[in-house]
Amino acid sequence: MSALLSPSPLCFDDWFDIYRPIPNEREQIGFSNDDVYFCLDTTGSDYVKVREALASDPDTVWTVVECDDCWYLVNGYCKVNAIYYVLCEVPLTTNNFFEINLED
């Protein structure tokens, strides 16, 4: 038997307050909040940070993906359609699937 995962409702502001993304102080890419940027690139030294986070606590990794010309923030590590990665201070502690539209 297989289960179909439906995205759990969570708005960006709530996600931001709950999971506390870690600022990217090296580069201004992706989304920002109060002129502070939080996205990491999918290559180079940023990707090394993502791999380290995956090894130590994979539940702190989120991915910005592109789908149907929109950008979404989803929990976990995705390689396909990945635009950026985001590392958070607070790990995900549920089995929910989150899909937050970043263009709302």
PDB file of N, CA and C in Angstrom:
ATOM      1  N   MET A   1       0.848  -1.162   0.000  1.00  0.00           N
ATOM      2  CA  MET A   1       0.000   0.000   0.000  1.00  0.00           C
ATOM      3  C   MET A   1       0.900   1.232   0.000  1.00  0.00           C
ATOM      4  N   SER A   2       0.569   2.235  -0.779  1.00  0.00           N
ATOM      5  CA  SER A   2       1.339   3.471  -0.798  1.00  0.00           C
ATOM      6  C   SER A   2       0.443   4.624  -0.378  1.00  0.00           C
ATOM      7  N   ALA A   3       1.056   5.636   0.144  1.00  0.00           N
ATOM      8  CA  ALA A   3       0.318   6.813   0.607  1.00  0.00           C
ATOM      9  C   ALA A   3       0.693   8.007  -0.253  1.00  0.00           C
ATOM     10  N   LEU A   4      -0.271   8.823  -0.544  1.00  0.00           N
ATOM     11  CA  LEU A   4      -0.037  10.048  -1.281  1.00  0.00           C
ATOM     12  C   LEU A   4       0.173  11.164  -0.274  1.00  0.00           C
ATOM     13  N   LEU A   5       1.311  11.823  -0.367  1.00  0.00           N
ATOM     14  CA  LEU A   5       1.599  12.906   0.560  1.00  0.00           C
ATOM     15  C   LEU A   5       0.987  14.196   0.055  1.00  0.00           C
ATOM     16  N   SER A   6       0.248  14.851   0.896  1.00  0.00           N
ATOM     17  CA  SER A   6      -0.285  16.170   0.583  1.00  0.00           C
ATOM     18  C   SER A   6       0.525  17.195   1.366  1.00  0.00           C
ATOM     19  N   PRO A   7       0.835  18.325   0.738  1.00  0.00           N
ATOM     20  CA  PRO A   7       1.598  19.335   1.470  1.00  0.00           C
ATOM     21  C   PRO A   7       0.829  19.838   2.690  1.00  0.00           C
ATOM     22  N   SER A   8       1.535  19.967   3.801  1.00  0.00           N
ATOM     23  CA  SER A   8       0.932  20.529   5.007  1.00  0.00           C
ATOM     24  C   SER A   8       0.909  22.040   4.881  1.00  0.00           C
ATOM     25  N   PRO A   9      -0.154  22.663   5.346  1.00  0.00           N
ATOM     26  CA  PRO A   9      -0.234  24.116   5.230  1.00  0.00           C
ATOM     27  C   PRO A   9       0.726  24.799   6.202  1.00  0.00           C
ATOM     28  N   LEU A  10       1.531  25.672   5.683  1.00  0.00           N
ATOM     29  CA  LEU A  10       2.452  26.461   6.484  1.00  0.00           C
ATOM     30  C   LEU A  10       2.843  27.664   5.644  1.00  0.00           C
ATOM     31  N   CYS A  11       2.629  28.852   6.174  1.00  0.00           N
ATOM     32  CA  CYS A  11       3.011  30.044   5.424  1.00  0.00           C
ATOM     33  C   CYS A  11       4.486  30.351   5.695  1.00  0.00           C
ATOM     34  N   PHE A  12       5.066  31.150   4.831  1.00  0.00           N
ATOM     35  CA  PHE A  12       6.482  31.460   4.930  1.00  0.00           C
ATOM     36  C   PHE A  12       6.832  32.097   6.276  1.00  0.00           C
ATOM     37  N   ASP A  13       6.046  33.053   6.721  1.00  0.00           N
ATOM     38  CA  ASP A  13       6.354  33.740   7.983  1.00  0.00           C
ATOM     39  C   ASP A  13       6.352  32.778   9.167  1.00  0.00           C
ATOM     40  N   ASP A  14       5.385  31.865   9.197  1.00  0.00           N
ATOM     41  CA  ASP A  14       5.353  30.868  10.270  1.00  0.00           C
ATOM     42  C   ASP A  14       6.562  29.941  10.180  1.00  0.00           C
ATOM     43  N   TRP A  15       6.876  29.483   8.951  1.00  0.00           N
ATOM     44  CA  TRP A  15       8.054  28.637   8.749  1.00  0.00           C
ATOM     45  C   TRP A  15       9.302  29.348   9.264  1.00  0.00           C
ATOM     46  N   PHE A  16       9.450  30.607   8.903  1.00  0.00           N
ATOM     47  CA  PHE A  16      10.615  31.394   9.294  1.00  0.00           C
ATOM     48  C   PHE A  16      10.745  31.459  10.818  1.00  0.00           C
ATOM     49  N   ASP A  17       9.636  31.712  11.504  1.00  0.00           N
ATOM     50  CA  ASP A  17       9.653  31.822  12.962  1.00  0.00           C
ATOM     51  C   ASP A  17       9.909  30.478  13.650  1.00  0.00           C
ATOM     52  N   ILE A  18       9.377  29.407  13.078  1.00  0.00           N
ATOM     53  CA  ILE A  18       9.505  28.088  13.695  1.00  0.00           C
ATOM     54  C   ILE A  18      10.905  27.496  13.493  1.00  0.00           C
ATOM     55  N   TYR A  19      11.399  27.503  12.259  1.00  0.00           N
ATOM     56  CA  TYR A  19      12.628  26.777  11.925  1.00  0.00           C
ATOM     57  C   TYR A  19      13.889  27.641  11.933  1.00  0.00           C
ATOM     58  N   ARG A  20      13.757  28.940  11.950  1.00  0.00           N
ATOM     59  CA  ARG A  20      14.861  29.892  12.058  1.00  0.00           C
ATOM     60  C   ARG A  20      16.010  29.589  11.077  1.00  0.00           C
ATOM     61  N   PRO A  21      15.839  29.958   9.813  1.00  0.00           N
ATOM     62  CA  PRO A  21      16.905  29.729   8.834  1.00  0.00           C
ATOM     63  C   PRO A  21      18.176  30.494   9.195  1.00  0.00           C
ATOM     64  N   ILE A  22      19.293  29.911   8.823  1.00  0.00           N
ATOM     65  CA  ILE A  22      20.607  30.486   9.121  1.00  0.00           C
ATOM     66  C   ILE A  22      21.001  31.440   7.985  1.00  0.00           C
ATOM     67  N   PRO A  23      21.375  32.668   8.307  1.00  0.00           N
ATOM     68  CA  PRO A  23      21.749  33.631   7.257  1.00  0.00           C
ATOM     69  C   PRO A  23      22.974  33.187   6.474  1.00  0.00           C
ATOM     70  N   ASN A  24      22.975  33.543   5.208  1.00  0.00           N
ATOM     71  CA  ASN A  24      24.141  33.361   4.349  1.00  0.00           C
ATOM     72  C   ASN A  24      24.872  34.706   4.345  1.00  0.00           C
ATOM     73  N   GLU A  25      25.898  34.816   5.118  1.00  0.00           N
ATOM     74  CA  GLU A  25      26.614  36.081   5.255  1.00  0.00           C
ATOM     75  C   GLU A  25      27.628  36.305   4.150  1.00  0.00           C
ATOM     76  N   ARG A  26      27.851  35.309   3.315  1.00  0.00           N
ATOM     77  CA  ARG A  26      28.851  35.401   2.259  1.00  0.00           C
ATOM     78  C   ARG A  26      28.283  35.971   0.961  1.00  0.00           C
ATOM     79  N   GLU A  27      27.025  35.651   0.674  1.00  0.00           N
ATOM     80  CA  GLU A  27      26.478  36.005  -0.638  1.00  0.00           C
ATOM     81  C   GLU A  27      24.992  36.348  -0.518  1.00  0.00           C
ATOM     82  N   GLN A  28      24.555  37.306  -1.298  1.00  0.00           N
ATOM     83  CA  GLN A  28      23.149  37.711  -1.303  1.00  0.00           C
ATOM     84  C   GLN A  28      22.433  37.037  -2.470  1.00  0.00           C
ATOM     85  N   ILE A  29      21.909  35.845  -2.216  1.00  0.00           N
ATOM     86  CA  ILE A  29      21.174  35.104  -3.237  1.00  0.00           C
ATOM     87  C   ILE A  29      19.880  34.574  -2.639  1.00  0.00           C
ATOM     88  N   GLY A  30      18.922  34.301  -3.501  1.00  0.00           N
ATOM     89  CA  GLY A  30      17.666  33.716  -3.051  1.00  0.00           C
ATOM     90  C   GLY A  30      16.786  34.703  -2.329  1.00  0.00           C
ATOM     91  N   PHE A  31      16.022  34.208  -1.384  1.00  0.00           N
ATOM     92  CA  PHE A  31      15.088  35.076  -0.676  1.00  0.00           C
ATOM     93  C   PHE A  31      15.763  35.746   0.521  1.00  0.00           C
ATOM     94  N   SER A  32      15.174  36.857   0.924  1.00  0.00           N
ATOM     95  CA  SER A  32      15.712  37.599   2.062  1.00  0.00           C
ATOM     96  C   SER A  32      14.577  38.008   2.990  1.00  0.00           C
ATOM     97  N   ASN A  33      14.955  38.395   4.184  1.00  0.00           N
ATOM     98  CA  ASN A  33      14.019  38.929   5.167  1.00  0.00           C
ATOM     99  C   ASN A  33      14.763  40.057   5.871  1.00  0.00           C
ATOM    100  N   ASP A  34      14.234  41.251   5.792  1.00  0.00           N
ATOM    101  CA  ASP A  34      14.897  42.431   6.361  1.00  0.00           C
ATOM    102  C   ASP A  34      16.325  42.573   5.841  1.00  0.00           C
ATOM    103  N   ASP A  35      16.497  42.394   4.542  1.00  0.00           N
ATOM    104  CA  ASP A  35      17.796  42.526   3.858  1.00  0.00           C
ATOM    105  C   ASP A  35      18.851  41.525   4.317  1.00  0.00           C
ATOM    106  N   VAL A  36      18.426  40.428   4.916  1.00  0.00           N
ATOM    107  CA  VAL A  36      19.325  39.337   5.270  1.00  0.00           C
ATOM    108  C   VAL A  36      18.953  38.159   4.369  1.00  0.00           C
ATOM    109  N   TYR A  37      19.959  37.568   3.712  1.00  0.00           N
ATOM    110  CA  TYR A  37      19.721  36.474   2.768  1.00  0.00           C
ATOM    111  C   TYR A  37      20.003  35.129   3.442  1.00  0.00           C
ATOM    112  N   PHE A  38      19.283  34.094   3.000  1.00  0.00           N
ATOM    113  CA  PHE A  38      19.330  32.808   3.691  1.00  0.00           C
ATOM    114  C   PHE A  38      19.650  31.618   2.782  1.00  0.00           C
ATOM    115  N   CYS A  39      19.723  31.807   1.493  1.00  0.00           N
ATOM    116  CA  CYS A  39      19.907  30.684   0.574  1.00  0.00           C
ATOM    117  C   CYS A  39      21.374  30.378   0.329  1.00  0.00           C
ATOM    118  N   LEU A  40      21.637  29.106   0.092  1.00  0.00           N
ATOM    119  CA  LEU A  40      22.964  28.628  -0.268  1.00  0.00           C
ATOM    120  C   LEU A  40      22.906  28.075  -1.686  1.00  0.00           C
ATOM    121  N   ASP A  41      23.987  28.259  -2.419  1.00  0.00           N
ATOM    122  CA  ASP A  41      24.076  27.793  -3.795  1.00  0.00           C
ATOM    123  C   ASP A  41      24.165  26.269  -3.834  1.00  0.00           C
ATOM    124  N   THR A  42      23.897  25.697  -4.986  1.00  0.00           N
ATOM    125  CA  THR A  42      23.908  24.246  -5.158  1.00  0.00           C
ATOM    126  C   THR A  42      25.285  23.712  -5.548  1.00  0.00           C
ATOM    127  N   THR A  43      26.303  24.580  -5.550  1.00  0.00           N
ATOM    128  CA  THR A  43      27.664  24.180  -5.909  1.00  0.00           C
ATOM    129  C   THR A  43      28.670  24.853  -4.978  1.00  0.00           C
ATOM    130  N   GLY A  44      29.920  24.465  -5.115  1.00  0.00           N
ATOM    131  CA  GLY A  44      31.013  25.128  -4.416  1.00  0.00           C
ATOM    132  C   GLY A  44      30.977  24.983  -2.903  1.00  0.00           C
ATOM    133  N   SER A  45      31.480  26.024  -2.225  1.00  0.00           N
ATOM    134  CA  SER A  45      31.595  25.976  -0.765  1.00  0.00           C
ATOM    135  C   SER A  45      30.226  25.937  -0.087  1.00  0.00           C
ATOM    136  N   ASP A  46      29.210  26.536  -0.726  1.00  0.00           N
ATOM    137  CA  ASP A  46      27.856  26.447  -0.168  1.00  0.00           C
ATOM    138  C   ASP A  46      27.391  24.994  -0.131  1.00  0.00           C
ATOM    139  N   TYR A  47      27.653  24.280  -1.214  1.00  0.00           N
ATOM    140  CA  TYR A  47      27.225  22.879  -1.288  1.00  0.00           C
ATOM    141  C   TYR A  47      27.953  22.026  -0.248  1.00  0.00           C
ATOM    142  N   VAL A  48      29.209  22.374   0.053  1.00  0.00           N
ATOM    143  CA  VAL A  48      29.953  21.673   1.096  1.00  0.00           C
ATOM    144  C   VAL A  48      29.229  21.834   2.432  1.00  0.00           C
ATOM    145  N   LYS A  49      28.738  23.040   2.728  1.00  0.00           N
ATOM    146  CA  LYS A  49      27.980  23.274   3.966  1.00  0.00           C
ATOM    147  C   LYS A  49      26.713  22.424   4.005  1.00  0.00           C
ATOM    148  N   VAL A  50      26.049  22.314   2.866  1.00  0.00           N
ATOM    149  CA  VAL A  50      24.826  21.510   2.783  1.00  0.00           C
ATOM    150  C   VAL A  50      25.152  20.044   3.049  1.00  0.00           C
ATOM    151  N   ARG A  51      26.209  19.534   2.442  1.00  0.00           N
ATOM    152  CA  ARG A  51      26.605  18.138   2.643  1.00  0.00           C
ATOM    153  C   ARG A  51      26.960  17.870   4.107  1.00  0.00           C
ATOM    154  N   GLU A  52      27.628  18.836   4.746  1.00  0.00           N
ATOM    155  CA  GLU A  52      27.964  18.686   6.169  1.00  0.00           C
ATOM    156  C   GLU A  52      26.695  18.642   7.018  1.00  0.00           C
ATOM    157  N   ALA A  53      25.733  19.500   6.689  1.00  0.00           N
ATOM    158  CA  ALA A  53      24.462  19.500   7.424  1.00  0.00           C
ATOM    159  C   ALA A  53      23.718  18.193   7.210  1.00  0.00           C
ATOM    160  N   LEU A  54      23.753  17.663   6.002  1.00  0.00           N
ATOM    161  CA  LEU A  54      23.098  16.383   5.728  1.00  0.00           C
ATOM    162  C   LEU A  54      23.717  15.260   6.556  1.00  0.00           C
ATOM    163  N   ALA A  55      25.021  15.322   6.743  1.00  0.00           N
ATOM    164  CA  ALA A  55      25.704  14.288   7.509  1.00  0.00           C
ATOM    165  C   ALA A  55      25.417  14.407   9.007  1.00  0.00           C
ATOM    166  N   SER A  56      25.298  15.645   9.508  1.00  0.00           N
ATOM    167  CA  SER A  56      25.116  15.827  10.948  1.00  0.00           C
ATOM    168  C   SER A  56      23.649  15.839  11.379  1.00  0.00           C
ATOM    169  N   ASP A  57      22.787  16.501  10.611  1.00  0.00           N
ATOM    170  CA  ASP A  57      21.354  16.555  10.936  1.00  0.00           C
ATOM    171  C   ASP A  57      20.554  16.882   9.678  1.00  0.00           C
ATOM    172  N   PRO A  58      20.191  15.879   8.904  1.00  0.00           N
ATOM    173  CA  PRO A  58      19.505  16.123   7.631  1.00  0.00           C
ATOM    174  C   PRO A  58      18.160  16.831   7.771  1.00  0.00           C
ATOM    175  N   ASP A  59      17.573  16.816   8.963  1.00  0.00           N
ATOM    176  CA  ASP A  59      16.282  17.478   9.160  1.00  0.00           C
ATOM    177  C   ASP A  59      16.396  18.997   9.244  1.00  0.00           C
ATOM    178  N   THR A  60      17.616  19.530   9.137  1.00  0.00           N
ATOM    179  CA  THR A  60      17.800  20.985   9.112  1.00  0.00           C
ATOM    180  C   THR A  60      17.918  21.523   7.697  1.00  0.00           C
ATOM    181  N   VAL A  61      17.878  20.635   6.708  1.00  0.00           N
ATOM    182  CA  VAL A  61      18.061  21.036   5.308  1.00  0.00           C
ATOM    183  C   VAL A  61      16.715  21.184   4.617  1.00  0.00           C
ATOM    184  N   TRP A  62      16.542  22.309   3.920  1.00  0.00           N
ATOM    185  CA  TRP A  62      15.375  22.587   3.098  1.00  0.00           C
ATOM    186  C   TRP A  62      15.862  22.951   1.703  1.00  0.00           C
ATOM    187  N   THR A  63      15.007  22.777   0.696  1.00  0.00           N
ATOM    188  CA  THR A  63      15.393  23.049  -0.680  1.00  0.00           C
ATOM    189  C   THR A  63      14.393  23.993  -1.335  1.00  0.00           C
ATOM    190  N   VAL A  64      14.922  24.973  -2.063  1.00  0.00           N
ATOM    191  CA  VAL A  64      14.089  25.817  -2.919  1.00  0.00           C
ATOM    192  C   VAL A  64      14.106  25.150  -4.288  1.00  0.00           C
ATOM    193  N   VAL A  65      12.924  24.749  -4.757  1.00  0.00           N
ATOM    194  CA  VAL A  65      12.801  24.075  -6.047  1.00  0.00           C
ATOM    195  C   VAL A  65      11.937  24.908  -6.989  1.00  0.00           C
ATOM    196  N   GLU A  66      12.158  24.689  -8.279  1.00  0.00           N
ATOM    197  CA  GLU A  66      11.323  25.341  -9.287  1.00  0.00           C
ATOM    198  C   GLU A  66      10.406  24.298  -9.899  1.00  0.00           C
ATOM    199  N   CYS A  67       9.121  24.627  -9.961  1.00  0.00           N
ATOM    200  CA  CYS A  67       8.129  23.730 -10.538  1.00  0.00           C
ATOM    201  C   CYS A  67       7.038  24.583 -11.178  1.00  0.00           C
ATOM    202  N   ASP A  68       6.747  24.331 -12.423  1.00  0.00           N
ATOM    203  CA  ASP A  68       5.704  25.073 -13.141  1.00  0.00           C
ATOM    204  C   ASP A  68       5.923  26.579 -13.055  1.00  0.00           C
ATOM    205  N   ASP A  69       7.181  27.001 -13.252  1.00  0.00           N
ATOM    206  CA  ASP A  69       7.562  28.418 -13.251  1.00  0.00           C
ATOM    207  C   ASP A  69       7.332  29.118 -11.920  1.00  0.00           C
ATOM    208  N   CYS A  70       7.230  28.373 -10.832  1.00  0.00           N
ATOM    209  CA  CYS A  70       7.115  28.941  -9.482  1.00  0.00           C
ATOM    210  C   CYS A  70       8.223  28.355  -8.614  1.00  0.00           C
ATOM    211  N   TRP A  71       8.598  29.087  -7.591  1.00  0.00           N
ATOM    212  CA  TRP A  71       9.585  28.598  -6.633  1.00  0.00           C
ATOM    213  C   TRP A  71       8.877  28.177  -5.359  1.00  0.00           C
ATOM    214  N   TYR A  72       9.266  27.008  -4.848  1.00  0.00           N
ATOM    215  CA  TYR A  72       8.690  26.463  -3.622  1.00  0.00           C
ATOM    216  C   TYR A  72       9.813  26.107  -2.655  1.00  0.00           C
ATOM    217  N   LEU A  73       9.541  26.253  -1.393  1.00  0.00           N
ATOM    218  CA  LEU A  73      10.443  25.806  -0.342  1.00  0.00           C
ATOM    219  C   LEU A  73       9.885  24.496   0.182  1.00  0.00           C
ATOM    220  N   VAL A  74      10.683  23.442   0.114  1.00  0.00           N
ATOM    221  CA  VAL A  74      10.244  22.127   0.573  1.00  0.00           C
ATOM    222  C   VAL A  74      11.233  21.587   1.595  1.00  0.00           C
ATOM    223  N   ASN A  75      10.732  20.806   2.532  1.00  0.00           N
ATOM    224  CA  ASN A  75      11.618  20.228   3.525  1.00  0.00           C
ATOM    225  C   ASN A  75      12.427  19.095   2.909  1.00  0.00           C
ATOM    226  N   GLY A  76      13.656  19.008   3.383  1.00  0.00           N
ATOM    227  CA  GLY A  76      14.535  17.943   2.931  1.00  0.00           C
ATOM    228  C   GLY A  76      15.464  18.372   1.812  1.00  0.00           C
ATOM    229  N   TYR A  77      16.273  17.433   1.406  1.00  0.00           N
ATOM    230  CA  TYR A  77      17.270  17.638   0.354  1.00  0.00           C
ATOM    231  C   TYR A  77      16.718  17.114  -0.966  1.00  0.00           C
ATOM    232  N   CYS A  78      16.670  17.977  -1.953  1.00  0.00           N
ATOM    233  CA  CYS A  78      16.258  17.586  -3.309  1.00  0.00           C
ATOM    234  C   CYS A  78      17.372  17.961  -4.272  1.00  0.00           C
ATOM    235  N   LYS A  79      17.622  17.116  -5.207  1.00  0.00           N
ATOM    236  CA  LYS A  79      18.622  17.415  -6.233  1.00  0.00           C
ATOM    237  C   LYS A  79      17.927  17.882  -7.510  1.00  0.00           C
ATOM    238  N   VAL A  80      16.809  17.269  -7.847  1.00  0.00           N
ATOM    239  CA  VAL A  80      16.081  17.603  -9.063  1.00  0.00           C
ATOM    240  C   VAL A  80      15.345  18.927  -8.866  1.00  0.00           C
ATOM    241  N   ASN A  81      15.507  19.831  -9.800  1.00  0.00           N
ATOM    242  CA  ASN A  81      14.863  21.157  -9.799  1.00  0.00           C
ATOM    243  C   ASN A  81      15.325  22.042  -8.649  1.00  0.00           C
ATOM    244  N   ALA A  82      16.423  21.697  -7.996  1.00  0.00           N
ATOM    245  CA  ALA A  82      16.923  22.507  -6.881  1.00  0.00           C
ATOM    246  C   ALA A  82      17.506  23.817  -7.400  1.00  0.00           C
ATOM    247  N   ILE A  83      17.084  24.907  -6.783  1.00  0.00           N
ATOM    248  CA  ILE A  83      17.603  26.236  -7.098  1.00  0.00           C
ATOM    249  C   ILE A  83      18.585  26.662  -6.005  1.00  0.00           C
ATOM    250  N   TYR A  84      18.187  26.486  -4.756  1.00  0.00           N
ATOM    251  CA  TYR A  84      19.000  26.835  -3.589  1.00  0.00           C
ATOM    252  C   TYR A  84      18.718  25.840  -2.471  1.00  0.00           C
ATOM    253  N   TYR A  85      19.578  25.876  -1.471  1.00  0.00           N
ATOM    254  CA  TYR A  85      19.350  25.144  -0.232  1.00  0.00           C
ATOM    255  C   TYR A  85      19.282  26.142   0.911  1.00  0.00           C
ATOM    256  N   VAL A  86      18.578  25.769   1.972  1.00  0.00           N
ATOM    257  CA  VAL A  86      18.465  26.590   3.172  1.00  0.00           C
ATOM    258  C   VAL A  86      18.722  25.687   4.376  1.00  0.00           C
ATOM    259  N   LEU A  87      19.604  26.152   5.252  1.00  0.00           N
ATOM    260  CA  LEU A  87      19.880  25.422   6.493  1.00  0.00           C
ATOM    261  C   LEU A  87      19.191  26.150   7.630  1.00  0.00           C
ATOM    262  N   CYS A  88      18.603  25.385   8.532  1.00  0.00           N
ATOM    263  CA  CYS A  88      17.849  25.979   9.640  1.00  0.00           C
ATOM    264  C   CYS A  88      18.449  25.573  10.978  1.00  0.00           C
ATOM    265  N   GLU A  89      18.242  26.433  11.969  1.00  0.00           N
ATOM    266  CA  GLU A  89      18.688  26.143  13.329  1.00  0.00           C
ATOM    267  C   GLU A  89      17.859  25.032  13.960  1.00  0.00           C
ATOM    268  N   VAL A  90      16.568  25.025  13.679  1.00  0.00           N
ATOM    269  CA  VAL A  90      15.641  24.074  14.287  1.00  0.00           C
ATOM    270  C   VAL A  90      15.322  22.969  13.275  1.00  0.00           C
ATOM    271  N   PRO A  91      15.575  21.715  13.630  1.00  0.00           N
ATOM    272  CA  PRO A  91      15.270  20.617  12.706  1.00  0.00           C
ATOM    273  C   PRO A  91      13.771  20.325  12.632  1.00  0.00           C
ATOM    274  N   LEU A  92      13.369  19.781  11.521  1.00  0.00           N
ATOM    275  CA  LEU A  92      11.993  19.322  11.343  1.00  0.00           C
ATOM    276  C   LEU A  92      11.788  18.098  12.228  1.00  0.00           C
ATOM    277  N   THR A  93      10.707  18.072  12.974  1.00  0.00           N
ATOM    278  CA  THR A  93      10.476  16.954  13.899  1.00  0.00           C
ATOM    279  C   THR A  93       9.212  16.173  13.578  1.00  0.00           C
ATOM    280  N   THR A  94       8.622  16.454  12.420  1.00  0.00           N
ATOM    281  CA  THR A  94       7.416  15.723  12.016  1.00  0.00           C
ATOM    282  C   THR A  94       7.687  14.986  10.717  1.00  0.00           C
ATOM    283  N   ASN A  95       6.763  14.123  10.346  1.00  0.00           N
ATOM    284  CA  ASN A  95       6.861  13.430   9.063  1.00  0.00           C
ATOM    285  C   ASN A  95       6.074  14.150   7.978  1.00  0.00           C
ATOM    286  N   ASN A  96       5.677  15.371   8.243  1.00  0.00           N
ATOM    287  CA  ASN A  96       4.897  16.144   7.265  1.00  0.00           C
ATOM    288  C   ASN A  96       5.758  16.559   6.089  1.00  0.00           C
ATOM    289  N   PHE A  97       5.099  16.756   4.972  1.00  0.00           N
ATOM    290  CA  PHE A  97       5.741  17.304   3.784  1.00  0.00           C
ATOM    291  C   PHE A  97       5.269  18.748   3.654  1.00  0.00           C
ATOM    292  N   PHE A  98       6.216  19.679   3.602  1.00  0.00           N
ATOM    293  CA  PHE A  98       5.868  21.089   3.462  1.00  0.00           C
ATOM    294  C   PHE A  98       6.246  21.579   2.075  1.00  0.00           C
ATOM    295  N   GLU A  99       5.363  22.367   1.515  1.00  0.00           N
ATOM    296  CA  GLU A  99       5.560  22.977   0.195  1.00  0.00           C
ATOM    297  C   GLU A  99       5.069  24.417   0.306  1.00  0.00           C
ATOM    298  N   ILE A 100       5.993  25.338   0.447  1.00  0.00           N
ATOM    299  CA  ILE A 100       5.642  26.744   0.677  1.00  0.00           C
ATOM    300  C   ILE A 100       5.931  27.520  -0.597  1.00  0.00           C
ATOM    301  N   ASN A 101       4.894  28.113  -1.176  1.00  0.00           N
ATOM    302  CA  ASN A 101       5.055  28.897  -2.391  1.00  0.00           C
ATOM    303  C   ASN A 101       5.759  30.201  -2.039  1.00  0.00           C
ATOM    304  N   LEU A 102       6.933  30.424  -2.618  1.00  0.00           N
ATOM    305  CA  LEU A 102       7.699  31.629  -2.321  1.00  0.00           C
ATOM    306  C   LEU A 102       7.273  32.828  -3.147  1.00  0.00           C
ATOM    307  N   GLU A 103       6.307  32.636  -4.019  1.00  0.00           N
ATOM    308  CA  GLU A 103       5.856  33.731  -4.864  1.00  0.00           C
ATOM    309  C   GLU A 103       4.504  34.288  -4.428  1.00  0.00           C
ATOM    310  N   ASP A 104       4.013  33.826  -3.290  1.00  0.00           N
ATOM    311  CA  ASP A 104       2.744  34.353  -2.751  1.00  0.00           C
ATOM    312  C   ASP A 104       2.963  35.671  -2.058  1.00  0.00           C
TER     313      ASP A 104
END
